[in-house]
N, C-alpha and C. Protein backbone atom coordinates (compact mmCIF):
# COMPACT_ATOMS: atom_id res chain seq x y z
N MET A 1 17.00 7.62 1.20
CA MET A 1 15.64 8.14 1.31
C MET A 1 15.68 9.51 1.98
N SER A 2 15.02 10.50 1.41
CA SER A 2 15.01 11.83 1.99
C SER A 2 14.14 11.85 3.22
N GLU A 3 14.31 12.91 4.03
CA GLU A 3 13.55 13.00 5.27
C GLU A 3 12.06 13.08 5.01
N SER A 4 11.69 13.62 3.83
CA SER A 4 10.27 13.79 3.53
C SER A 4 9.63 12.55 2.94
N SER A 5 10.43 11.57 2.57
CA SER A 5 9.89 10.35 1.96
C SER A 5 9.27 9.45 3.02
N PRO A 6 8.03 8.98 2.82
CA PRO A 6 7.40 8.10 3.80
C PRO A 6 8.04 6.71 3.82
N ILE A 7 7.85 6.01 4.90
CA ILE A 7 8.31 4.63 5.02
C ILE A 7 7.34 3.74 4.28
N ARG A 8 7.84 2.99 3.34
CA ARG A 8 6.99 2.13 2.49
C ARG A 8 6.69 0.82 3.23
N VAL A 9 5.41 0.52 3.38
CA VAL A 9 4.98 -0.63 4.20
C VAL A 9 4.16 -1.61 3.36
N LEU A 10 4.49 -2.89 3.50
CA LEU A 10 3.73 -3.98 2.89
C LEU A 10 3.01 -4.74 3.99
N ILE A 11 1.70 -4.94 3.84
CA ILE A 11 0.89 -5.67 4.82
C ILE A 11 0.72 -7.12 4.35
N VAL A 12 0.97 -8.07 5.25
CA VAL A 12 0.81 -9.49 4.91
C VAL A 12 -0.08 -10.15 5.96
N ASP A 13 -1.29 -10.56 5.55
CA ASP A 13 -2.22 -11.23 6.46
C ASP A 13 -3.27 -11.94 5.62
N ASP A 14 -3.67 -13.14 6.04
CA ASP A 14 -4.65 -13.88 5.24
C ASP A 14 -6.08 -13.45 5.52
N HIS A 15 -6.30 -12.53 6.44
CA HIS A 15 -7.64 -12.04 6.73
C HIS A 15 -7.83 -10.64 6.15
N ALA A 16 -8.80 -10.50 5.25
CA ALA A 16 -9.04 -9.22 4.59
C ALA A 16 -9.41 -8.13 5.58
N VAL A 17 -10.14 -8.50 6.64
CA VAL A 17 -10.54 -7.51 7.64
C VAL A 17 -9.32 -6.91 8.33
N VAL A 18 -8.35 -7.76 8.66
CA VAL A 18 -7.13 -7.28 9.30
C VAL A 18 -6.36 -6.36 8.35
N ARG A 19 -6.24 -6.78 7.09
CA ARG A 19 -5.54 -5.94 6.12
C ARG A 19 -6.23 -4.59 5.97
N GLY A 20 -7.56 -4.61 5.97
CA GLY A 20 -8.30 -3.37 5.84
C GLY A 20 -8.07 -2.44 7.02
N GLY A 21 -8.04 -3.01 8.22
CA GLY A 21 -7.80 -2.22 9.42
C GLY A 21 -6.41 -1.61 9.43
N LEU A 22 -5.42 -2.41 9.02
CA LEU A 22 -4.05 -1.90 8.97
C LEU A 22 -3.90 -0.83 7.89
N SER A 23 -4.60 -1.02 6.79
CA SER A 23 -4.55 -0.02 5.72
C SER A 23 -5.07 1.33 6.20
N LYS A 24 -6.19 1.33 6.92
CA LYS A 24 -6.74 2.57 7.44
C LYS A 24 -5.81 3.18 8.48
N PHE A 25 -5.18 2.33 9.27
CA PHE A 25 -4.22 2.81 10.27
C PHE A 25 -3.07 3.55 9.61
N LEU A 26 -2.56 3.00 8.52
CA LEU A 26 -1.42 3.62 7.85
C LEU A 26 -1.79 4.96 7.23
N GLN A 27 -3.03 5.09 6.81
CA GLN A 27 -3.46 6.32 6.13
C GLN A 27 -3.42 7.54 7.03
N VAL A 28 -3.49 7.35 8.34
CA VAL A 28 -3.52 8.50 9.25
C VAL A 28 -2.12 8.95 9.66
N HIS A 29 -1.10 8.24 9.17
CA HIS A 29 0.28 8.61 9.50
C HIS A 29 0.98 9.06 8.21
N LYS A 30 1.31 10.34 8.15
CA LYS A 30 1.87 10.90 6.92
C LYS A 30 3.25 10.34 6.60
N ASP A 31 3.94 9.82 7.62
CA ASP A 31 5.28 9.30 7.35
C ASP A 31 5.28 7.81 7.01
N LEU A 32 4.08 7.22 6.92
CA LEU A 32 3.95 5.81 6.56
C LEU A 32 3.10 5.69 5.30
N GLU A 33 3.51 4.82 4.39
CA GLU A 33 2.80 4.67 3.12
C GLU A 33 2.55 3.19 2.82
N LEU A 34 1.29 2.82 2.60
CA LEU A 34 0.95 1.46 2.20
C LEU A 34 1.28 1.28 0.73
N VAL A 35 2.15 0.30 0.43
CA VAL A 35 2.51 0.07 -0.98
C VAL A 35 1.93 -1.22 -1.53
N GLY A 36 1.39 -2.08 -0.64
CA GLY A 36 0.81 -3.31 -1.14
C GLY A 36 0.29 -4.20 -0.03
N GLU A 37 -0.51 -5.20 -0.42
CA GLU A 37 -1.07 -6.16 0.53
C GLU A 37 -0.90 -7.57 -0.02
N ALA A 38 -0.59 -8.52 0.86
CA ALA A 38 -0.46 -9.92 0.47
C ALA A 38 -1.27 -10.77 1.43
N GLU A 39 -1.80 -11.88 0.94
CA GLU A 39 -2.64 -12.73 1.79
C GLU A 39 -1.95 -14.03 2.19
N ASN A 40 -0.71 -14.22 1.76
CA ASN A 40 0.07 -15.38 2.21
C ASN A 40 1.55 -15.09 2.03
N GLY A 41 2.38 -15.97 2.57
CA GLY A 41 3.80 -15.74 2.54
C GLY A 41 4.40 -15.73 1.15
N ALA A 42 3.92 -16.62 0.29
CA ALA A 42 4.46 -16.68 -1.07
C ALA A 42 4.20 -15.37 -1.81
N GLU A 43 3.00 -14.83 -1.64
CA GLU A 43 2.68 -13.56 -2.28
C GLU A 43 3.51 -12.43 -1.67
N ALA A 44 3.79 -12.53 -0.37
CA ALA A 44 4.61 -11.52 0.30
C ALA A 44 6.01 -11.47 -0.30
N VAL A 45 6.59 -12.65 -0.55
CA VAL A 45 7.92 -12.71 -1.15
C VAL A 45 7.90 -12.08 -2.54
N ARG A 46 6.88 -12.41 -3.32
CA ARG A 46 6.78 -11.87 -4.68
C ARG A 46 6.60 -10.35 -4.67
N LEU A 47 5.72 -9.86 -3.81
CA LEU A 47 5.46 -8.42 -3.77
C LEU A 47 6.64 -7.64 -3.20
N THR A 48 7.38 -8.27 -2.29
CA THR A 48 8.58 -7.60 -1.77
C THR A 48 9.57 -7.36 -2.89
N ARG A 49 9.72 -8.34 -3.76
CA ARG A 49 10.62 -8.19 -4.91
C ARG A 49 10.12 -7.10 -5.85
N GLN A 50 8.82 -7.04 -6.07
CA GLN A 50 8.26 -6.08 -7.03
C GLN A 50 8.19 -4.66 -6.47
N LEU A 51 7.77 -4.54 -5.21
CA LEU A 51 7.44 -3.23 -4.65
C LEU A 51 8.56 -2.61 -3.81
N GLN A 52 9.51 -3.43 -3.37
CA GLN A 52 10.63 -2.95 -2.56
C GLN A 52 10.17 -2.10 -1.37
N PRO A 53 9.36 -2.67 -0.47
CA PRO A 53 8.95 -1.93 0.72
C PRO A 53 10.13 -1.75 1.66
N ASN A 54 10.00 -0.81 2.58
CA ASN A 54 11.01 -0.65 3.63
C ASN A 54 10.75 -1.59 4.79
N VAL A 55 9.44 -1.75 5.11
CA VAL A 55 9.04 -2.57 6.25
C VAL A 55 7.86 -3.46 5.84
N VAL A 56 7.90 -4.71 6.27
CA VAL A 56 6.81 -5.65 6.03
C VAL A 56 6.16 -6.00 7.37
N LEU A 57 4.84 -5.84 7.44
CA LEU A 57 4.08 -6.30 8.61
C LEU A 57 3.61 -7.71 8.31
N MET A 58 4.14 -8.70 9.02
CA MET A 58 3.99 -10.11 8.66
C MET A 58 3.17 -10.90 9.67
N ASP A 59 2.06 -11.48 9.21
CA ASP A 59 1.32 -12.45 10.02
C ASP A 59 2.11 -13.76 10.01
N LEU A 60 1.82 -14.68 10.92
CA LEU A 60 2.57 -15.93 10.97
C LEU A 60 1.81 -17.12 10.38
N LYS A 61 0.57 -17.32 10.83
CA LYS A 61 -0.19 -18.48 10.38
C LYS A 61 -0.97 -18.14 9.12
N MET A 62 -0.44 -18.60 7.98
CA MET A 62 -1.05 -18.32 6.68
C MET A 62 -0.91 -19.54 5.76
N PRO A 63 -1.78 -19.65 4.76
CA PRO A 63 -1.67 -20.76 3.81
C PRO A 63 -0.51 -20.58 2.85
N GLU A 64 -0.16 -21.65 2.17
CA GLU A 64 0.88 -21.69 1.13
C GLU A 64 2.30 -21.53 1.70
N MET A 65 2.57 -20.45 2.38
CA MET A 65 3.86 -20.23 3.03
C MET A 65 3.62 -19.44 4.30
N ASP A 66 4.08 -19.96 5.44
CA ASP A 66 3.81 -19.25 6.70
C ASP A 66 4.75 -18.05 6.86
N GLY A 67 4.49 -17.27 7.90
CA GLY A 67 5.23 -16.04 8.09
C GLY A 67 6.70 -16.22 8.38
N VAL A 68 7.06 -17.28 9.10
CA VAL A 68 8.47 -17.52 9.41
C VAL A 68 9.24 -17.83 8.13
N ALA A 69 8.70 -18.70 7.30
CA ALA A 69 9.37 -19.04 6.04
C ALA A 69 9.46 -17.83 5.13
N ALA A 70 8.40 -17.04 5.08
CA ALA A 70 8.40 -15.84 4.24
C ALA A 70 9.43 -14.83 4.75
N THR A 71 9.50 -14.68 6.06
CA THR A 71 10.48 -13.75 6.66
C THR A 71 11.89 -14.17 6.30
N ARG A 72 12.17 -15.46 6.42
CA ARG A 72 13.51 -15.96 6.11
C ARG A 72 13.85 -15.71 4.64
N GLU A 73 12.88 -15.94 3.77
CA GLU A 73 13.09 -15.75 2.33
C GLU A 73 13.32 -14.27 2.00
N ILE A 74 12.50 -13.42 2.58
CA ILE A 74 12.62 -11.98 2.31
C ILE A 74 13.96 -11.44 2.83
N ARG A 75 14.31 -11.82 4.06
CA ARG A 75 15.55 -11.31 4.65
C ARG A 75 16.78 -11.83 3.90
N SER A 76 16.67 -13.03 3.35
CA SER A 76 17.78 -13.61 2.60
C SER A 76 17.99 -12.88 1.28
N LYS A 77 16.88 -12.60 0.58
CA LYS A 77 16.98 -11.99 -0.75
C LYS A 77 17.00 -10.47 -0.71
N HIS A 78 16.44 -9.89 0.35
CA HIS A 78 16.34 -8.43 0.44
C HIS A 78 16.74 -8.00 1.86
N PRO A 79 18.02 -8.07 2.18
CA PRO A 79 18.47 -7.80 3.56
C PRO A 79 18.15 -6.40 4.06
N GLY A 80 17.90 -5.47 3.15
CA GLY A 80 17.56 -4.12 3.57
C GLY A 80 16.12 -3.95 4.00
N VAL A 81 15.28 -4.94 3.71
CA VAL A 81 13.86 -4.87 4.08
C VAL A 81 13.70 -5.39 5.50
N ARG A 82 13.02 -4.63 6.34
CA ARG A 82 12.77 -5.03 7.73
C ARG A 82 11.41 -5.73 7.83
N VAL A 83 11.33 -6.72 8.68
CA VAL A 83 10.09 -7.47 8.88
C VAL A 83 9.66 -7.37 10.35
N ILE A 84 8.42 -6.94 10.55
CA ILE A 84 7.82 -6.94 11.89
C ILE A 84 6.73 -8.00 11.90
N VAL A 85 6.86 -8.98 12.76
CA VAL A 85 5.80 -9.98 12.91
C VAL A 85 4.65 -9.36 13.70
N LEU A 86 3.44 -9.47 13.16
CA LEU A 86 2.24 -8.95 13.81
C LEU A 86 1.25 -10.11 13.85
N THR A 87 1.09 -10.71 15.03
CA THR A 87 0.35 -11.97 15.13
C THR A 87 -0.49 -12.00 16.39
N SER A 88 -1.32 -13.03 16.49
CA SER A 88 -2.13 -13.24 17.70
C SER A 88 -1.49 -14.26 18.63
N PHE A 89 -0.35 -14.80 18.24
CA PHE A 89 0.26 -15.90 18.97
C PHE A 89 1.65 -15.54 19.48
N ALA A 90 1.99 -16.05 20.67
CA ALA A 90 3.31 -15.79 21.25
C ALA A 90 3.92 -17.07 21.81
N GLU A 91 3.67 -18.21 21.13
CA GLU A 91 4.29 -19.46 21.57
C GLU A 91 5.81 -19.38 21.40
N ASP A 92 6.51 -20.11 22.25
CA ASP A 92 7.97 -20.06 22.25
C ASP A 92 8.56 -20.31 20.87
N ASN A 93 8.09 -21.38 20.21
CA ASN A 93 8.69 -21.74 18.92
C ASN A 93 8.43 -20.68 17.86
N MET A 94 7.28 -20.01 17.96
CA MET A 94 6.95 -18.98 16.97
C MET A 94 7.83 -17.75 17.16
N VAL A 95 7.97 -17.32 18.41
CA VAL A 95 8.79 -16.14 18.69
C VAL A 95 10.23 -16.40 18.27
N GLN A 96 10.80 -17.50 18.74
CA GLN A 96 12.19 -17.78 18.43
C GLN A 96 12.40 -18.05 16.95
N GLY A 97 11.45 -18.73 16.33
CA GLY A 97 11.55 -19.02 14.90
C GLY A 97 11.54 -17.75 14.07
N ALA A 98 10.64 -16.82 14.43
CA ALA A 98 10.54 -15.57 13.68
C ALA A 98 11.80 -14.73 13.82
N LEU A 99 12.32 -14.63 15.04
CA LEU A 99 13.52 -13.82 15.27
C LEU A 99 14.75 -14.45 14.62
N GLN A 100 14.84 -15.76 14.68
CA GLN A 100 15.96 -16.44 14.03
C GLN A 100 15.88 -16.32 12.51
N ALA A 101 14.66 -16.16 11.99
CA ALA A 101 14.48 -15.98 10.55
C ALA A 101 14.86 -14.58 10.11
N GLY A 102 15.01 -13.67 11.07
CA GLY A 102 15.45 -12.32 10.73
C GLY A 102 14.47 -11.21 11.01
N ALA A 103 13.36 -11.51 11.70
CA ALA A 103 12.39 -10.47 12.01
C ALA A 103 13.03 -9.40 12.92
N THR A 104 12.69 -8.14 12.67
CA THR A 104 13.22 -7.04 13.45
C THR A 104 12.29 -6.67 14.60
N GLY A 105 11.09 -7.24 14.60
CA GLY A 105 10.14 -6.96 15.67
C GLY A 105 9.14 -8.09 15.80
N TYR A 106 8.53 -8.21 16.98
CA TYR A 106 7.51 -9.23 17.21
C TYR A 106 6.44 -8.60 18.10
N LEU A 107 5.28 -8.35 17.52
CA LEU A 107 4.19 -7.69 18.23
C LEU A 107 2.91 -8.50 18.12
N LEU A 108 2.06 -8.38 19.13
CA LEU A 108 0.75 -9.01 19.08
C LEU A 108 -0.27 -8.04 18.49
N LYS A 109 -1.36 -8.57 17.97
CA LYS A 109 -2.33 -7.74 17.26
C LYS A 109 -3.16 -6.84 18.18
N ASN A 110 -2.96 -6.98 19.49
CA ASN A 110 -3.64 -6.06 20.40
C ASN A 110 -2.80 -4.82 20.67
N VAL A 111 -1.72 -4.64 19.92
CA VAL A 111 -0.84 -3.49 20.09
C VAL A 111 -1.61 -2.21 19.72
N SER A 112 -1.29 -1.11 20.38
CA SER A 112 -1.96 0.15 20.08
C SER A 112 -1.43 0.73 18.78
N GLY A 113 -2.20 1.62 18.17
CA GLY A 113 -1.78 2.25 16.93
C GLY A 113 -0.47 3.00 17.09
N ALA A 114 -0.33 3.72 18.19
CA ALA A 114 0.89 4.48 18.43
C ALA A 114 2.09 3.56 18.57
N GLU A 115 1.91 2.43 19.27
CA GLU A 115 3.01 1.49 19.46
C GLU A 115 3.42 0.86 18.13
N LEU A 116 2.43 0.55 17.29
CA LEU A 116 2.74 -0.06 16.00
C LEU A 116 3.46 0.94 15.10
N ALA A 117 3.00 2.17 15.09
CA ALA A 117 3.65 3.21 14.27
C ALA A 117 5.10 3.38 14.71
N ASN A 118 5.32 3.43 16.01
CA ASN A 118 6.69 3.59 16.52
C ASN A 118 7.54 2.37 16.20
N ALA A 119 6.93 1.18 16.22
CA ALA A 119 7.68 -0.03 15.89
C ALA A 119 8.11 -0.03 14.43
N ILE A 120 7.24 0.46 13.55
CA ILE A 120 7.58 0.55 12.13
C ILE A 120 8.74 1.51 11.93
N ARG A 121 8.67 2.65 12.60
CA ARG A 121 9.77 3.63 12.50
C ARG A 121 11.07 3.05 13.05
N ALA A 122 10.96 2.35 14.17
CA ALA A 122 12.15 1.75 14.77
C ALA A 122 12.75 0.69 13.86
N ALA A 123 11.90 -0.15 13.29
CA ALA A 123 12.38 -1.20 12.39
C ALA A 123 13.08 -0.60 11.19
N HIS A 124 12.50 0.46 10.63
CA HIS A 124 13.11 1.11 9.48
C HIS A 124 14.50 1.65 9.83
N ALA A 125 14.68 2.03 11.08
CA ALA A 125 15.98 2.52 11.56
C ALA A 125 16.89 1.39 12.01
N GLY A 126 16.41 0.13 11.93
CA GLY A 126 17.23 -1.02 12.30
C GLY A 126 17.15 -1.40 13.75
N ARG A 127 16.16 -0.88 14.47
CA ARG A 127 16.03 -1.19 15.89
C ARG A 127 14.90 -2.20 16.11
N MET A 128 15.10 -3.07 17.08
CA MET A 128 14.14 -4.13 17.37
C MET A 128 13.07 -3.66 18.34
N THR A 129 11.84 -4.13 18.13
CA THR A 129 10.74 -3.88 19.06
C THR A 129 10.06 -5.21 19.36
N LEU A 130 9.97 -5.56 20.65
CA LEU A 130 9.35 -6.81 21.05
C LEU A 130 8.18 -6.53 22.00
N SER A 131 7.11 -7.29 21.84
CA SER A 131 6.02 -7.21 22.81
C SER A 131 6.51 -7.79 24.13
N SER A 132 5.83 -7.47 25.21
CA SER A 132 6.22 -8.01 26.52
C SER A 132 6.16 -9.53 26.51
N GLU A 133 5.18 -10.08 25.77
CA GLU A 133 5.05 -11.54 25.69
C GLU A 133 6.25 -12.17 24.99
N ALA A 134 6.70 -11.53 23.91
CA ALA A 134 7.86 -12.05 23.18
C ALA A 134 9.12 -11.95 24.03
N THR A 135 9.26 -10.86 24.75
CA THR A 135 10.41 -10.70 25.64
C THR A 135 10.41 -11.78 26.70
N GLU A 136 9.23 -12.10 27.22
CA GLU A 136 9.13 -13.13 28.25
C GLU A 136 9.56 -14.49 27.71
N VAL A 137 9.21 -14.75 26.46
CA VAL A 137 9.63 -16.01 25.84
C VAL A 137 11.15 -16.11 25.81
N LEU A 138 11.82 -15.02 25.45
CA LEU A 138 13.27 -15.03 25.38
C LEU A 138 13.90 -15.20 26.76
N VAL A 139 13.27 -14.59 27.75
CA VAL A 139 13.77 -14.74 29.12
C VAL A 139 13.62 -16.18 29.58
N HIS A 140 12.48 -16.79 29.28
CA HIS A 140 12.26 -18.19 29.65
C HIS A 140 13.23 -19.11 28.92
N ALA A 141 13.54 -18.77 27.67
CA ALA A 141 14.47 -19.59 26.90
C ALA A 141 15.86 -19.58 27.54
N ALA A 142 16.14 -18.50 28.25
CA ALA A 142 17.44 -18.40 28.92
C ALA A 142 17.57 -19.39 30.07
N ALA A 143 16.44 -19.97 30.50
CA ALA A 143 16.49 -20.97 31.57
C ALA A 143 17.13 -22.26 31.07
N HIS A 144 17.24 -22.40 29.74
CA HIS A 144 17.89 -23.57 29.15
C HIS A 144 18.99 -23.07 28.21
N PRO A 145 19.97 -22.41 28.79
CA PRO A 145 20.97 -21.74 27.95
C PRO A 145 21.94 -22.69 27.28
N ILE A 146 22.39 -22.24 26.13
CA ILE A 146 23.52 -22.89 25.48
C ILE A 146 24.77 -22.32 26.16
N VAL A 147 25.86 -23.02 26.10
CA VAL A 147 27.08 -22.53 26.75
C VAL A 147 27.41 -21.14 26.19
N PRO A 148 27.58 -20.13 27.06
CA PRO A 148 27.85 -18.77 26.59
C PRO A 148 29.14 -18.68 25.78
N ALA A 149 29.17 -17.65 24.94
CA ALA A 149 30.36 -17.45 24.12
C ALA A 149 31.41 -16.72 24.94
N ASP A 150 32.16 -17.48 25.75
CA ASP A 150 33.13 -16.89 26.66
C ASP A 150 34.31 -16.25 25.95
N ASP A 151 34.45 -16.53 24.65
CA ASP A 151 35.61 -15.99 23.95
C ASP A 151 35.39 -14.58 23.43
N LEU A 152 34.24 -13.95 23.75
CA LEU A 152 34.06 -12.55 23.40
C LEU A 152 35.02 -11.70 24.24
N THR A 153 35.70 -10.75 23.59
CA THR A 153 36.58 -9.86 24.33
C THR A 153 35.75 -8.84 25.10
N GLU A 154 36.41 -8.13 26.00
CA GLU A 154 35.71 -7.11 26.79
C GLU A 154 35.10 -6.04 25.88
N ARG A 155 35.86 -5.62 24.86
CA ARG A 155 35.35 -4.61 23.93
C ARG A 155 34.18 -5.14 23.12
N GLU A 156 34.25 -6.42 22.71
CA GLU A 156 33.14 -7.01 21.96
C GLU A 156 31.88 -7.08 22.82
N ARG A 157 32.05 -7.36 24.10
CA ARG A 157 30.89 -7.39 25.00
C ARG A 157 30.30 -5.98 25.16
N GLU A 158 31.17 -4.98 25.18
CA GLU A 158 30.68 -3.61 25.26
C GLU A 158 29.85 -3.26 24.03
N VAL A 159 30.37 -3.63 22.86
CA VAL A 159 29.66 -3.37 21.61
C VAL A 159 28.33 -4.13 21.57
N LEU A 160 28.36 -5.40 21.99
CA LEU A 160 27.15 -6.21 21.99
C LEU A 160 26.11 -5.64 22.95
N THR A 161 26.56 -5.16 24.10
CA THR A 161 25.64 -4.56 25.07
C THR A 161 24.92 -3.36 24.45
N LEU A 162 25.64 -2.53 23.73
CA LEU A 162 25.04 -1.35 23.11
C LEU A 162 24.14 -1.74 21.94
N MET A 163 24.46 -2.86 21.27
CA MET A 163 23.56 -3.39 20.23
C MET A 163 22.22 -3.76 20.86
N VAL A 164 22.29 -4.46 22.00
CA VAL A 164 21.07 -4.88 22.70
C VAL A 164 20.26 -3.66 23.13
N ASP A 165 20.97 -2.57 23.47
CA ASP A 165 20.29 -1.34 23.87
C ASP A 165 19.68 -0.59 22.69
N GLY A 166 19.94 -1.09 21.47
CA GLY A 166 19.32 -0.50 20.29
C GLY A 166 20.11 0.58 19.59
N LEU A 167 21.39 0.75 19.95
CA LEU A 167 22.21 1.78 19.32
C LEU A 167 22.69 1.34 17.94
N SER A 168 22.76 2.28 17.02
CA SER A 168 23.31 2.00 15.69
C SER A 168 24.83 1.91 15.78
N ASN A 169 25.46 1.45 14.70
CA ASN A 169 26.92 1.36 14.68
C ASN A 169 27.56 2.73 14.92
N GLN A 170 26.99 3.77 14.29
CA GLN A 170 27.55 5.10 14.46
C GLN A 170 27.39 5.58 15.90
N GLU A 171 26.23 5.29 16.51
CA GLU A 171 26.00 5.69 17.90
C GLU A 171 26.93 4.94 18.84
N ILE A 172 27.20 3.66 18.53
CA ILE A 172 28.15 2.89 19.34
C ILE A 172 29.55 3.48 19.22
N ALA A 173 29.91 3.86 17.99
CA ALA A 173 31.23 4.46 17.77
C ALA A 173 31.37 5.75 18.57
N ASP A 174 30.32 6.56 18.56
CA ASP A 174 30.36 7.82 19.31
C ASP A 174 30.45 7.56 20.81
N ARG A 175 29.69 6.57 21.29
CA ARG A 175 29.66 6.28 22.73
C ARG A 175 31.02 5.75 23.22
N LEU A 176 31.66 4.92 22.42
CA LEU A 176 32.91 4.28 22.84
C LEU A 176 34.15 5.00 22.31
N PHE A 177 33.94 6.13 21.60
CA PHE A 177 35.04 6.89 21.05
C PHE A 177 35.89 6.04 20.11
N LEU A 178 35.18 5.32 19.23
CA LEU A 178 35.83 4.48 18.23
C LEU A 178 35.45 4.96 16.84
N SER A 179 36.18 4.53 15.83
CA SER A 179 35.79 4.82 14.45
C SER A 179 34.66 3.87 14.06
N LEU A 180 33.88 4.28 13.05
CA LEU A 180 32.80 3.43 12.57
C LEU A 180 33.36 2.11 12.05
N GLY A 181 34.50 2.17 11.38
CA GLY A 181 35.11 0.95 10.85
C GLY A 181 35.50 -0.02 11.95
N THR A 182 35.98 0.52 13.07
CA THR A 182 36.36 -0.35 14.19
C THR A 182 35.14 -1.04 14.79
N VAL A 183 34.05 -0.30 14.89
CA VAL A 183 32.81 -0.89 15.43
C VAL A 183 32.33 -2.00 14.50
N LYS A 184 32.38 -1.76 13.20
CA LYS A 184 31.96 -2.78 12.24
C LYS A 184 32.86 -4.01 12.34
N PHE A 185 34.16 -3.79 12.58
CA PHE A 185 35.09 -4.91 12.75
C PHE A 185 34.72 -5.73 13.97
N HIS A 186 34.44 -5.06 15.10
CA HIS A 186 34.03 -5.77 16.30
C HIS A 186 32.71 -6.51 16.08
N ALA A 187 31.79 -5.87 15.38
CA ALA A 187 30.50 -6.50 15.11
C ALA A 187 30.68 -7.77 14.30
N GLY A 188 31.57 -7.72 13.31
CA GLY A 188 31.84 -8.90 12.51
C GLY A 188 32.40 -10.04 13.35
N ASN A 189 33.29 -9.70 14.28
CA ASN A 189 33.83 -10.72 15.17
C ASN A 189 32.76 -11.31 16.07
N ILE A 190 31.85 -10.45 16.55
CA ILE A 190 30.75 -10.92 17.40
C ILE A 190 29.88 -11.90 16.64
N TYR A 191 29.51 -11.55 15.41
CA TYR A 191 28.67 -12.43 14.60
C TYR A 191 29.35 -13.78 14.39
N SER A 192 30.64 -13.73 14.09
CA SER A 192 31.38 -14.96 13.84
C SER A 192 31.43 -15.85 15.08
N LYS A 193 31.71 -15.26 16.23
CA LYS A 193 31.85 -16.04 17.46
C LYS A 193 30.51 -16.59 17.94
N LEU A 194 29.43 -15.86 17.66
CA LEU A 194 28.11 -16.32 18.10
C LEU A 194 27.47 -17.24 17.06
N GLY A 195 28.08 -17.32 15.89
CA GLY A 195 27.53 -18.18 14.84
C GLY A 195 26.27 -17.63 14.21
N VAL A 196 26.19 -16.30 14.09
CA VAL A 196 25.02 -15.65 13.49
C VAL A 196 25.49 -14.79 12.32
N ASP A 197 24.52 -14.28 11.55
CA ASP A 197 24.90 -13.48 10.38
C ASP A 197 24.21 -12.12 10.34
N SER A 198 23.63 -11.69 11.45
CA SER A 198 22.95 -10.40 11.45
C SER A 198 22.92 -9.81 12.86
N ARG A 199 22.71 -8.50 12.92
CA ARG A 199 22.60 -7.80 14.21
C ARG A 199 21.40 -8.33 15.01
N VAL A 200 20.26 -8.52 14.33
CA VAL A 200 19.07 -8.99 15.03
C VAL A 200 19.31 -10.34 15.67
N ALA A 201 19.95 -11.25 14.92
CA ALA A 201 20.23 -12.58 15.46
C ALA A 201 21.20 -12.50 16.63
N ALA A 202 22.19 -11.60 16.55
CA ALA A 202 23.15 -11.45 17.65
C ALA A 202 22.46 -10.93 18.91
N VAL A 203 21.57 -9.94 18.73
CA VAL A 203 20.84 -9.38 19.87
C VAL A 203 19.93 -10.44 20.49
N THR A 204 19.25 -11.19 19.64
CA THR A 204 18.36 -12.25 20.13
C THR A 204 19.14 -13.27 20.95
N LEU A 205 20.29 -13.69 20.41
CA LEU A 205 21.11 -14.69 21.10
C LEU A 205 21.67 -14.13 22.41
N ALA A 206 22.05 -12.85 22.39
CA ALA A 206 22.59 -12.23 23.61
C ALA A 206 21.55 -12.21 24.72
N ILE A 207 20.29 -11.93 24.34
CA ILE A 207 19.20 -11.93 25.34
C ILE A 207 18.94 -13.34 25.83
N GLN A 208 18.88 -14.28 24.89
CA GLN A 208 18.59 -15.67 25.27
C GLN A 208 19.66 -16.24 26.20
N ARG A 209 20.92 -15.96 25.89
CA ARG A 209 22.02 -16.56 26.66
C ARG A 209 22.50 -15.67 27.82
N ARG A 210 21.87 -14.49 27.92
CA ARG A 210 22.29 -13.53 28.96
C ARG A 210 23.78 -13.25 28.87
N LEU A 211 24.22 -12.94 27.66
CA LEU A 211 25.63 -12.68 27.43
C LEU A 211 26.05 -11.31 27.93
N VAL A 212 25.09 -10.41 28.07
CA VAL A 212 25.42 -9.05 28.51
C VAL A 212 24.47 -8.64 29.64
């Protein structure tokens, strides 16, 4: 995508008023483009296949297919598409379920326009954005930790720490004076040892287990 190309956004919410508000919000940002709207998870999966958005703004409680199931389906079939959960709820199971399904962000609907715009840009760049409420859920989950992955090497812990800080693979390589291929190799080992299949899942688990 060229620098001048806007970030393609799909809105998913079962309330027309919310979709309308988000649509108007997107119109005031020249680097963001609304490509479609869905009113349930099943429609979101179908439109993601048809429209190929860069970022999906996903509600959680919807008919036919909820947001967690839709997120898991989208991330499985279209790994390049980022999903930001935008909801009114921050229950433990919802936050953890959404992140484990592959969501790149978790925000509440009282988020400011500027914060939402920045979260969309961050998600498109592969960086996670969490509301304070979602972060608190992960911190509380750490009170019941699973046994930490003690078999991570010192270098793998360094790489994982920088992942949690939001650095890209190239930025990690530059910071640690490593080749990009070496960073990807370490990342693959981290995923394998933690039993996850994505950067977002690794970061989520690292926060939950206080691995770094």
